[in-house]
Amino acid sequence: MNYSHKYSREDGFTLFEAIITLLLTSIVCIGAMQTYTSITGISFDHHVRIETHVQAQAIMQTLGNEVRILGNGVPFDQQNFSIGEVTLSDPTVTEPIDISATTATSISFRLNETGEVALLTADFDPSSSLTLGVTDVSGLDVNDPIYISNSVISGDEGLYGVISGVNAGSNTITLNAGYVTSAGATFGMGSILEEVPMITYAYTPGTGITRDSGFGAVLLGSDATMNIEYLDINGNSLALPLTNTVVMDQLRSVRITISLTNDSLLKDGTSYTSTVSQVFGLRNLNYFF
């Protein structure tokens, strides 16, 4: 009887075959890991780019929504309360844009940011009394800047004042003595009253882009920059500083450019910056054609 054992393929791998198998498996695994790492890096970079662009667009949207309607609440189109009206004790209160604080990196403008309007419940003569009745005082507080216009009852007057007192029980407010209005102006029942603060968007190196409506600056983007161009009806840039005449006769839109850099570096170690630019027509100023 022959007891010699003959190995066949069914007996398993030889040592050489096992080594080759392990080598091939390692190559496949390394390739798979490299592919995974590459895909992960591409996905991460894509996320950083999208996130940066979305944040830059969010700042642009916030700013643009208010810039395009700047001046809402200011009766600067009233004949006796128009922009630069020299008969007023302080003609700057008629300016929808604070031209002294508006540059290539900041813009200050007046705006009824809530959109709320109150009506006078009785005739008001500021030369006789500084207290007036309105339909609703719930949104008004001491030190709020307000405007009154009698345009809805076919008047040509406007008034700017600061609230010194609010009486919720009688729905009345009292103004500081330093109000500004056209000479002899009176406001009949039904005239409108609006709270109109000054809104300022500004870019400051080392700080970023901020928004301030009188309650302190709110940071919109610490790694963001802003540039503003002031344009005429043909899209040509207007020289700074602005003047009342330029605002009324030429300014029709602004081009805002926001650049934002993400804190997270791309996989190659570089930073990513998204730049967005948009032109906003100034709806209220576009009435001056």
C-alpha atoms as a PDB file:
ATOM      1  CA  MET A   1       0.000   0.000   0.000  1.00  0.00           C
ATOM      2  CA  ASN A   2       1.388   3.413  -0.959  1.00  0.00           C
ATOM      3  CA  TYR A   3       1.034   5.840   1.976  1.00  0.00           C
ATOM      4  CA  SER A   4       2.637   8.810   0.198  1.00  0.00           C
ATOM      5  CA  HIS A   5       0.428  11.917   0.246  1.00  0.00           C
ATOM      6  CA  LYS A   6      -0.054  13.929  -2.917  1.00  0.00           C
ATOM      7  CA  TYR A   7      -1.119  17.562  -2.453  1.00  0.00           C
ATOM      8  CA  SER A   8      -3.712  18.923  -4.819  1.00  0.00           C
ATOM      9  CA  ARG A   9      -5.298  22.365  -5.328  1.00  0.00           C
ATOM     10  CA  GLU A  10      -8.025  21.295  -2.935  1.00  0.00           C
ATOM     11  CA  ASP A  11      -5.515  21.143  -0.041  1.00  0.00           C
ATOM     12  CA  GLY A  12      -5.283  25.032   0.191  1.00  0.00           C
ATOM     13  CA  PHE A  13      -2.945  27.889  -0.799  1.00  0.00           C
ATOM     14  CA  THR A  14       0.771  27.516  -0.883  1.00  0.00           C
ATOM     15  CA  LEU A  15       2.865  30.032   1.078  1.00  0.00           C
ATOM     16  CA  PHE A  16       3.748  31.860  -2.136  1.00  0.00           C
ATOM     17  CA  GLU A  17       0.121  32.105  -3.156  1.00  0.00           C
ATOM     18  CA  ALA A  18      -0.819  33.440   0.303  1.00  0.00           C
ATOM     19  CA  ILE A  19       1.853  36.131   0.076  1.00  0.00           C
ATOM     20  CA  ILE A  20       0.693  37.166  -3.384  1.00  0.00           C
ATOM     21  CA  THR A  21      -2.924  37.277  -2.168  1.00  0.00           C
ATOM     22  CA  LEU A  22      -1.989  39.456   0.815  1.00  0.00           C
ATOM     23  CA  LEU A  23       0.024  41.739  -1.443  1.00  0.00           C
ATOM     24  CA  LEU A  24      -2.821  42.175  -3.890  1.00  0.00           C
ATOM     25  CA  THR A  25      -5.289  42.718  -1.064  1.00  0.00           C
ATOM     26  CA  SER A  26      -3.027  45.401   0.423  1.00  0.00           C
ATOM     27  CA  ILE A  27      -2.773  47.155  -2.924  1.00  0.00           C
ATOM     28  CA  VAL A  28      -6.559  47.117  -3.311  1.00  0.00           C
ATOM     29  CA  CYS A  29      -7.052  48.401   0.258  1.00  0.00           C
ATOM     30  CA  ILE A  30      -4.480  51.154  -0.173  1.00  0.00           C
ATOM     31  CA  GLY A  31      -6.139  52.196  -3.433  1.00  0.00           C
ATOM     32  CA  ALA A  32      -9.536  52.151  -1.775  1.00  0.00           C
ATOM     33  CA  MET A  33      -8.246  54.246   1.130  1.00  0.00           C
ATOM     34  CA  GLN A  34      -6.654  56.748  -1.242  1.00  0.00           C
ATOM     35  CA  THR A  35      -9.882  56.964  -3.209  1.00  0.00           C
ATOM     36  CA  TYR A  36     -11.880  57.399  -0.001  1.00  0.00           C
ATOM     37  CA  THR A  37      -9.512  60.075   1.261  1.00  0.00           C
ATOM     38  CA  SER A  38      -9.676  61.874  -2.065  1.00  0.00           C
ATOM     39  CA  ILE A  39     -13.476  61.718  -2.160  1.00  0.00           C
ATOM     40  CA  THR A  40     -13.673  62.863   1.460  1.00  0.00           C
ATOM     41  CA  GLY A  41     -11.349  65.774   0.718  1.00  0.00           C
ATOM     42  CA  ILE A  42     -13.349  66.776  -2.345  1.00  0.00           C
ATOM     43  CA  SER A  43     -16.565  66.553  -0.328  1.00  0.00           C
ATOM     44  CA  PHE A  44     -15.094  68.646   2.500  1.00  0.00           C
ATOM     45  CA  ASP A  45     -13.813  71.314   0.110  1.00  0.00           C
ATOM     46  CA  HIS A  46     -17.173  71.370  -1.652  1.00  0.00           C
ATOM     47  CA  HIS A  47     -18.918  71.861   1.708  1.00  0.00           C
ATOM     48  CA  VAL A  48     -16.566  74.716   2.643  1.00  0.00           C
ATOM     49  CA  ARG A  49     -17.190  76.466  -0.682  1.00  0.00           C
ATOM     50  CA  ILE A  50     -20.960  76.126  -0.442  1.00  0.00           C
ATOM     51  CA  GLU A  51     -21.034  77.222   3.201  1.00  0.00           C
ATOM     52  CA  THR A  52     -18.911  80.287   2.440  1.00  0.00           C
ATOM     53  CA  HIS A  53     -21.058  81.285  -0.536  1.00  0.00           C
ATOM     54  CA  VAL A  54     -24.294  80.848   1.430  1.00  0.00           C
ATOM     55  CA  GLN A  55     -22.990  82.998   4.297  1.00  0.00           C
ATOM     56  CA  ALA A  56     -21.891  85.735   1.898  1.00  0.00           C
ATOM     57  CA  GLN A  57     -25.291  85.630   0.180  1.00  0.00           C
ATOM     58  CA  ALA A  58     -27.055  85.825   3.560  1.00  0.00           C
ATOM     59  CA  ILE A  59     -25.212  89.043   4.407  1.00  0.00           C
ATOM     60  CA  MET A  60     -26.041  90.425   0.968  1.00  0.00           C
ATOM     61  CA  GLN A  61     -29.718  89.520   1.368  1.00  0.00           C
ATOM     62  CA  THR A  62     -29.968  91.163   4.783  1.00  0.00           C
ATOM     63  CA  LEU A  63     -28.312  94.339   3.571  1.00  0.00           C
ATOM     64  CA  GLY A  64     -30.058  94.460   0.210  1.00  0.00           C
ATOM     65  CA  ASN A  65     -33.568  94.052   1.606  1.00  0.00           C
ATOM     66  CA  GLU A  66     -33.142  97.315   3.527  1.00  0.00           C
ATOM     67  CA  VAL A  67     -30.962  99.294   1.124  1.00  0.00           C
ATOM     68  CA  ARG A  68     -33.430  98.963  -1.746  1.00  0.00           C
ATOM     69  CA  ILE A  69     -36.165 100.664   0.348  1.00  0.00           C
ATOM     70  CA  LEU A  70     -34.008 103.163   2.233  1.00  0.00           C
ATOM     71  CA  GLY A  71     -35.846 106.336   3.131  1.00  0.00           C
ATOM     72  CA  ASN A  72     -39.172 104.605   3.855  1.00  0.00           C
ATOM     73  CA  GLY A  73     -40.921 106.672   6.494  1.00  0.00           C
ATOM     74  CA  VAL A  74     -39.126 109.953   5.728  1.00  0.00           C
ATOM     75  CA  PRO A  75     -41.457 112.439   3.976  1.00  0.00           C
ATOM     76  CA  PHE A  76     -38.577 113.909   1.965  1.00  0.00           C
ATOM     77  CA  ASP A  77     -40.796 114.300  -1.086  1.00  0.00           C
ATOM     78  CA  GLN A  78     -43.127 116.731   0.692  1.00  0.00           C
ATOM     79  CA  GLN A  79     -42.927 120.166  -0.926  1.00  0.00           C
ATOM     80  CA  ASN A  80     -42.171 121.931   2.354  1.00  0.00           C
ATOM     81  CA  PHE A  81     -40.001 119.142   3.782  1.00  0.00           C
ATOM     82  CA  SER A  82     -37.958 118.090   0.766  1.00  0.00           C
ATOM     83  CA  ILE A  83     -34.316 117.005   0.680  1.00  0.00           C
ATOM     84  CA  GLY A  84     -32.080 119.955   1.542  1.00  0.00           C
ATOM     85  CA  GLU A  85     -34.970 122.319   2.329  1.00  0.00           C
ATOM     86  CA  VAL A  86     -33.079 125.425   3.538  1.00  0.00           C
ATOM     87  CA  THR A  87     -36.004 126.890   5.491  1.00  0.00           C
ATOM     88  CA  LEU A  88     -35.792 124.085   8.080  1.00  0.00           C
ATOM     89  CA  SER A  89     -33.842 124.570  11.301  1.00  0.00           C
ATOM     90  CA  ASP A  90     -31.981 121.325  10.505  1.00  0.00           C
ATOM     91  CA  PRO A  91     -32.265 120.333   6.835  1.00  0.00           C
ATOM     92  CA  THR A  92     -30.226 117.138   7.377  1.00  0.00           C
ATOM     93  CA  VAL A  93     -33.255 115.375   8.902  1.00  0.00           C
ATOM     94  CA  THR A  94     -34.844 115.262   5.450  1.00  0.00           C
ATOM     95  CA  GLU A  95     -31.945 113.248   4.029  1.00  0.00           C
ATOM     96  CA  PRO A  96     -32.892 109.595   3.400  1.00  0.00           C
ATOM     97  CA  ILE A  97     -29.135 108.900   3.335  1.00  0.00           C
ATOM     98  CA  ASP A  98     -26.784 110.418   5.889  1.00  0.00           C
ATOM     99  CA  ILE A  99     -24.316 111.701   3.333  1.00  0.00           C
ATOM    100  CA  SER A 100     -21.772 112.650   6.012  1.00  0.00           C
ATOM    101  CA  ALA A 101     -21.446 109.004   7.104  1.00  0.00           C
ATOM    102  CA  THR A 102     -21.722 107.279   3.725  1.00  0.00           C
ATOM    103  CA  THR A 103     -18.515 106.019   2.116  1.00  0.00           C
ATOM    104  CA  ALA A 104     -17.241 103.130   0.001  1.00  0.00           C
ATOM    105  CA  THR A 105     -17.250 100.890   3.099  1.00  0.00           C
ATOM    106  CA  SER A 106     -20.317 102.147   4.989  1.00  0.00           C
ATOM    107  CA  ILE A 107     -23.822 103.386   4.326  1.00  0.00           C
ATOM    108  CA  SER A 108     -26.170 105.118   6.771  1.00  0.00           C
ATOM    109  CA  PHE A 109     -29.804 105.657   5.925  1.00  0.00           C
ATOM    110  CA  ARG A 110     -33.155 106.295   7.561  1.00  0.00           C
ATOM    111  CA  LEU A 111     -35.710 103.504   7.400  1.00  0.00           C
ATOM    112  CA  ASN A 112     -38.969 102.458   9.035  1.00  0.00           C
ATOM    113  CA  GLU A 113     -37.575  98.962   9.648  1.00  0.00           C
ATOM    114  CA  THR A 114     -40.783  97.543  11.146  1.00  0.00           C
ATOM    115  CA  GLY A 115     -43.131  98.935   8.492  1.00  0.00           C
ATOM    116  CA  GLU A 116     -45.612  99.946  11.202  1.00  0.00           C
ATOM    117  CA  VAL A 117     -47.616 103.160  10.777  1.00  0.00           C
ATOM    118  CA  ALA A 118     -49.806 105.015  13.287  1.00  0.00           C
ATOM    119  CA  LEU A 119     -52.439 107.640  12.487  1.00  0.00           C
ATOM    120  CA  LEU A 120     -53.071 110.865  14.354  1.00  0.00           C
ATOM    121  CA  THR A 121     -56.411 110.697  16.167  1.00  0.00           C
ATOM    122  CA  ALA A 122     -56.782 114.494  16.412  1.00  0.00           C
ATOM    123  CA  ASP A 123     -55.406 117.611  14.771  1.00  0.00           C
ATOM    124  CA  PHE A 124     -51.862 118.441  15.887  1.00  0.00           C
ATOM    125  CA  ASP A 125     -50.233 121.871  15.944  1.00  0.00           C
ATOM    126  CA  PRO A 126     -46.653 121.521  17.258  1.00  0.00           C
ATOM    127  CA  SER A 127     -46.438 125.241  17.975  1.00  0.00           C
ATOM    128  CA  SER A 128     -49.281 124.869  20.505  1.00  0.00           C
ATOM    129  CA  SER A 129     -48.562 121.503  22.133  1.00  0.00           C
ATOM    130  CA  LEU A 130     -45.975 118.776  21.905  1.00  0.00           C
ATOM    131  CA  THR A 131     -48.443 116.050  22.902  1.00  0.00           C
ATOM    132  CA  LEU A 132     -50.421 114.262  20.233  1.00  0.00           C
ATOM    133  CA  GLY A 133     -52.801 111.316  20.069  1.00  0.00           C
ATOM    134  CA  VAL A 134     -52.178 108.315  17.810  1.00  0.00           C
ATOM    135  CA  THR A 135     -54.015 105.102  17.056  1.00  0.00           C
ATOM    136  CA  ASP A 136     -51.354 102.863  18.602  1.00  0.00           C
ATOM    137  CA  VAL A 137     -48.315 103.518  20.817  1.00  0.00           C
ATOM    138  CA  SER A 138     -47.346  99.885  21.468  1.00  0.00           C
ATOM    139  CA  GLY A 139     -44.302 100.060  19.200  1.00  0.00           C
ATOM    140  CA  LEU A 140     -43.101 103.462  20.368  1.00  0.00           C
ATOM    141  CA  ASP A 141     -40.614 104.250  23.136  1.00  0.00           C
ATOM    142  CA  VAL A 142     -38.831 107.219  24.646  1.00  0.00           C
ATOM    143  CA  ASN A 143     -35.958 108.470  22.452  1.00  0.00           C
ATOM    144  CA  ASP A 144     -37.431 106.947  19.295  1.00  0.00           C
ATOM    145  CA  PRO A 145     -36.999 109.225  16.244  1.00  0.00           C
ATOM    146  CA  ILE A 146     -40.307 109.745  14.429  1.00  0.00           C
ATOM    147  CA  TYR A 147     -41.648 111.458  11.330  1.00  0.00           C
ATOM    148  CA  ILE A 148     -45.116 112.860  10.733  1.00  0.00           C
ATOM    149  CA  SER A 149     -46.507 113.534   7.268  1.00  0.00           C
ATOM    150  CA  ASN A 150     -49.841 115.009   6.195  1.00  0.00           C
ATOM    151  CA  SER A 151     -49.467 113.832   2.604  1.00  0.00           C
ATOM    152  CA  VAL A 152     -52.388 111.396   2.964  1.00  0.00           C
ATOM    153  CA  ILE A 153     -54.711 114.319   3.657  1.00  0.00           C
ATOM    154  CA  SER A 154     -53.340 116.396   0.775  1.00  0.00           C
ATOM    155  CA  GLY A 155     -50.810 118.368   2.809  1.00  0.00           C
ATOM    156  CA  ASP A 156     -47.251 119.394   1.935  1.00  0.00           C
ATOM    157  CA  GLU A 157     -45.711 119.298   5.399  1.00  0.00           C
ATOM    158  CA  GLY A 158     -43.436 117.002   7.341  1.00  0.00           C
ATOM    159  CA  LEU A 159     -42.079 116.853  10.879  1.00  0.00           C
ATOM    160  CA  TYR A 160     -39.107 115.183  12.529  1.00  0.00           C
ATOM    161  CA  GLY A 161     -38.972 114.730  16.285  1.00  0.00           C
ATOM    162  CA  VAL A 162     -37.770 112.556  19.145  1.00  0.00           C
ATOM    163  CA  ILE A 163     -40.198 111.048  21.647  1.00  0.00           C
ATOM    164  CA  SER A 164     -39.794 112.223  25.246  1.00  0.00           C
ATOM    165  CA  GLY A 165     -42.802 110.433  26.716  1.00  0.00           C
ATOM    166  CA  VAL A 166     -45.321 107.684  25.907  1.00  0.00           C
ATOM    167  CA  ASN A 167     -48.728 107.282  27.593  1.00  0.00           C
ATOM    168  CA  ALA A 168     -50.203 103.884  26.743  1.00  0.00           C
ATOM    169  CA  GLY A 169     -53.386 104.620  28.708  1.00  0.00           C
ATOM    170  CA  SER A 170     -54.374 107.591  26.542  1.00  0.00           C
ATOM    171  CA  ASN A 171     -52.512 106.543  23.374  1.00  0.00           C
ATOM    172  CA  THR A 172     -50.554 109.776  23.341  1.00  0.00           C
ATOM    173  CA  ILE A 173     -46.902 110.643  22.909  1.00  0.00           C
ATOM    174  CA  THR A 174     -44.933 113.774  23.756  1.00  0.00           C
ATOM    175  CA  LEU A 175     -42.086 115.124  21.640  1.00  0.00           C
ATOM    176  CA  ASN A 176     -38.892 116.841  22.683  1.00  0.00           C
ATOM    177  CA  ALA A 177     -38.844 120.569  22.066  1.00  0.00           C
ATOM    178  CA  GLY A 178     -36.137 120.265  19.427  1.00  0.00           C
ATOM    179  CA  TYR A 179     -38.438 119.034  16.658  1.00  0.00           C
ATOM    180  CA  VAL A 180     -37.924 120.122  13.035  1.00  0.00           C
ATOM    181  CA  THR A 181     -40.796 121.087  10.764  1.00  0.00           C
ATOM    182  CA  SER A 182     -41.679 123.547   8.050  1.00  0.00           C
ATOM    183  CA  ALA A 183     -42.836 126.957   9.229  1.00  0.00           C
ATOM    184  CA  GLY A 184     -46.447 127.046  10.403  1.00  0.00           C
ATOM    185  CA  ALA A 185     -46.983 123.345   9.702  1.00  0.00           C
ATOM    186  CA  THR A 186     -50.030 121.666  11.219  1.00  0.00           C
ATOM    187  CA  PHE A 187     -51.096 118.038  10.913  1.00  0.00           C
ATOM    188  CA  GLY A 188     -54.737 117.083  10.653  1.00  0.00           C
ATOM    189  CA  MET A 189     -56.381 113.977  12.028  1.00  0.00           C
ATOM    190  CA  GLY A 190     -55.406 111.054   9.837  1.00  0.00           C
ATOM    191  CA  SER A 191     -51.834 112.222   9.261  1.00  0.00           C
ATOM    192  CA  ILE A 192     -49.344 109.374   9.516  1.00  0.00           C
ATOM    193  CA  LEU A 193     -46.603 108.858  12.103  1.00  0.00           C
ATOM    194  CA  GLU A 194     -43.700 106.423  11.674  1.00  0.00           C
ATOM    195  CA  GLU A 195     -40.711 105.445  13.798  1.00  0.00           C
ATOM    196  CA  VAL A 196     -37.665 105.867  11.564  1.00  0.00           C
ATOM    197  CA  PRO A 197     -34.257 105.064  13.055  1.00  0.00           C
ATOM    198  CA  MET A 198     -30.924 105.493  11.327  1.00  0.00           C
ATOM    199  CA  ILE A 199     -29.552 102.189   9.993  1.00  0.00           C
ATOM    200  CA  THR A 200     -25.800 101.851   9.456  1.00  0.00           C
ATOM    201  CA  TYR A 201     -23.997  99.033   7.664  1.00  0.00           C
ATOM    202  CA  ALA A 202     -20.230  99.288   7.903  1.00  0.00           C
ATOM    203  CA  TYR A 203     -17.085  97.331   7.178  1.00  0.00           C
ATOM    204  CA  THR A 204     -14.228  97.849   9.620  1.00  0.00           C
ATOM    205  CA  PRO A 205     -10.876  96.085   9.119  1.00  0.00           C
ATOM    206  CA  GLY A 206     -10.247  93.663  11.962  1.00  0.00           C
ATOM    207  CA  THR A 207     -13.939  93.604  12.865  1.00  0.00           C
ATOM    208  CA  GLY A 208     -15.922  92.752   9.754  1.00  0.00           C
ATOM    209  CA  ILE A 209     -19.370  93.851   8.584  1.00  0.00           C
ATOM    210  CA  THR A 210     -21.785  95.205  11.182  1.00  0.00           C
ATOM    211  CA  ARG A 211     -25.343  96.528  11.297  1.00  0.00           C
ATOM    212  CA  ASP A 212     -26.429  99.171  13.814  1.00  0.00           C
ATOM    213  CA  SER A 213     -29.940 100.619  14.193  1.00  0.00           C
ATOM    214  CA  GLY A 214     -29.193 102.589  17.339  1.00  0.00           C
ATOM    215  CA  PHE A 215     -28.951  99.719  19.817  1.00  0.00           C
ATOM    216  CA  GLY A 216     -25.322  98.806  19.214  1.00  0.00           C
ATOM    217  CA  ALA A 217     -23.521  97.175  16.334  1.00  0.00           C
ATOM    218  CA  VAL A 218     -24.439  93.588  15.434  1.00  0.00           C
ATOM    219  CA  LEU A 219     -21.720  91.564  13.702  1.00  0.00           C
ATOM    220  CA  LEU A 220     -22.849  90.013  10.412  1.00  0.00           C
ATOM    221  CA  GLY A 221     -19.525  88.583   9.297  1.00  0.00           C
ATOM    222  CA  SER A 222     -16.172  88.726  11.087  1.00  0.00           C
ATOM    223  CA  ASP A 223     -14.233  87.481   8.051  1.00  0.00           C
ATOM    224  CA  ALA A 224     -16.158  89.555   5.519  1.00  0.00           C
ATOM    225  CA  THR A 225     -15.404  92.767   3.647  1.00  0.00           C
ATOM    226  CA  MET A 226     -17.811  95.161   1.919  1.00  0.00           C
ATOM    227  CA  ASN A 227     -17.454  97.657  -0.897  1.00  0.00           C
ATOM    228  CA  ILE A 228     -20.229 100.010  -2.047  1.00  0.00           C
ATOM    229  CA  GLU A 229     -20.504 101.887  -5.321  1.00  0.00           C
ATOM    230  CA  TYR A 230     -23.135 104.592  -5.807  1.00  0.00           C
ATOM    231  CA  LEU A 231     -24.558 104.589  -9.333  1.00  0.00           C
ATOM    232  CA  ASP A 232     -26.574 106.902 -11.554  1.00  0.00           C
ATOM    233  CA  ILE A 233     -29.411 105.816 -13.839  1.00  0.00           C
ATOM    234  CA  ASN A 234     -26.912 104.587 -16.442  1.00  0.00           C
ATOM    235  CA  GLY A 235     -24.913 102.539 -13.954  1.00  0.00           C
ATOM    236  CA  ASN A 236     -21.999 104.982 -13.814  1.00  0.00           C
ATOM    237  CA  SER A 237     -20.206 105.387 -10.480  1.00  0.00           C
ATOM    238  CA  LEU A 238     -20.786 108.657  -8.643  1.00  0.00           C
ATOM    239  CA  ALA A 239     -17.905 110.385  -6.925  1.00  0.00           C
ATOM    240  CA  LEU A 240     -17.755 110.512  -3.138  1.00  0.00           C
ATOM    241  CA  PRO A 241     -18.615 112.295  -0.948  1.00  0.00           C
ATOM    242  CA  LEU A 242     -22.256 112.427  -1.971  1.00  0.00           C
ATOM    243  CA  THR A 243     -24.249 115.652  -1.836  1.00  0.00           C
ATOM    244  CA  ASN A 244     -27.979 116.252  -1.440  1.00  0.00           C
ATOM    245  CA  THR A 245     -28.168 117.390  -5.065  1.00  0.00           C
ATOM    246  CA  VAL A 246     -26.453 114.204  -6.282  1.00  0.00           C
ATOM    247  CA  VAL A 247     -28.707 112.023  -4.110  1.00  0.00           C
ATOM    248  CA  MET A 248     -31.865 113.614  -5.445  1.00  0.00           C
ATOM    249  CA  ASP A 249     -30.870 114.181  -9.070  1.00  0.00           C
ATOM    250  CA  GLN A 250     -28.467 111.338  -9.881  1.00  0.00           C
ATOM    251  CA  LEU A 251     -28.294 108.507  -7.334  1.00  0.00           C
ATOM    252  CA  ARG A 252     -30.539 105.641  -8.435  1.00  0.00           C
ATOM    253  CA  SER A 253     -28.855 102.412  -7.300  1.00  0.00           C
ATOM    254  CA  VAL A 254     -25.918 100.968  -5.384  1.00  0.00           C
ATOM    255  CA  ARG A 255     -23.605  98.084  -6.213  1.00  0.00           C
ATOM    256  CA  ILE A 256     -22.586  96.110  -3.142  1.00  0.00           C
ATOM    257  CA  THR A 257     -19.743  93.601  -3.175  1.00  0.00           C
ATOM    258  CA  ILE A 258     -19.300  91.184  -0.265  1.00  0.00           C
ATOM    259  CA  SER A 259     -16.225  88.973   0.142  1.00  0.00           C
ATOM    260  CA  LEU A 260     -16.172  86.359   2.896  1.00  0.00           C
ATOM    261  CA  THR A 261     -13.362  83.993   3.893  1.00  0.00           C
ATOM    262  CA  ASN A 262     -14.169  80.737   5.658  1.00  0.00           C
ATOM    263  CA  ASP A 263     -12.373  79.946   8.931  1.00  0.00           C
ATOM    264  CA  SER A 264     -11.904  76.336   7.793  1.00  0.00           C
ATOM    265  CA  LEU A 265      -9.013  75.685   5.431  1.00  0.00           C
ATOM    266  CA  LEU A 266      -9.381  73.557   2.330  1.00  0.00           C
ATOM    267  CA  LYS A 267      -7.653  70.168   2.325  1.00  0.00           C
ATOM    268  CA  ASP A 268      -4.637  71.647   0.529  1.00  0.00           C
ATOM    269  CA  GLY A 269      -4.158  74.101   3.412  1.00  0.00           C
ATOM    270  CA  THR A 270      -5.375  77.194   1.591  1.00  0.00           C
ATOM    271  CA  SER A 271      -8.284  79.423   2.614  1.00  0.00           C
ATOM    272  CA  TYR A 272     -11.383  79.913   0.484  1.00  0.00           C
ATOM    273  CA  THR A 273     -13.073  83.263  -0.187  1.00  0.00           C
ATOM    274  CA  SER A 274     -16.468  83.739  -1.815  1.00  0.00           C
ATOM    275  CA  THR A 275     -17.236  87.069  -3.486  1.00  0.00           C
ATOM    276  CA  VAL A 276     -20.778  88.101  -4.407  1.00  0.00           C
ATOM    277  CA  SER A 277     -21.883  91.353  -6.015  1.00  0.00           C
ATOM    278  CA  GLN A 278     -25.346  92.767  -6.664  1.00  0.00           C
ATOM    279  CA  VAL A 279     -26.917  96.033  -7.775  1.00  0.00           C
ATOM    280  CA  PHE A 280     -29.913  97.298  -5.811  1.00  0.00           C
ATOM    281  CA  GLY A 281     -32.246  99.902  -7.250  1.00  0.00           C
ATOM    282  CA  LEU A 282     -33.266 102.544  -4.707  1.00  0.00           C
ATOM    283  CA  ARG A 283     -37.030 102.432  -5.025  1.00  0.00           C
ATOM    284  CA  ASN A 284     -37.832 105.670  -3.225  1.00  0.00           C
ATOM    285  CA  LEU A 285     -35.185 107.706  -5.046  1.00  0.00           C
ATOM    286  CA  ASN A 286     -36.289 106.310  -8.392  1.00  0.00           C
ATOM    287  CA  TYR A 287     -39.457 108.416  -8.062  1.00  0.00           C
ATOM    288  CA  PHE A 288     -37.376 111.513  -8.834  1.00  0.00           C
ATOM    289  CA  PHE A 289     -37.493 111.184 -12.616  1.00  0.00           C
END
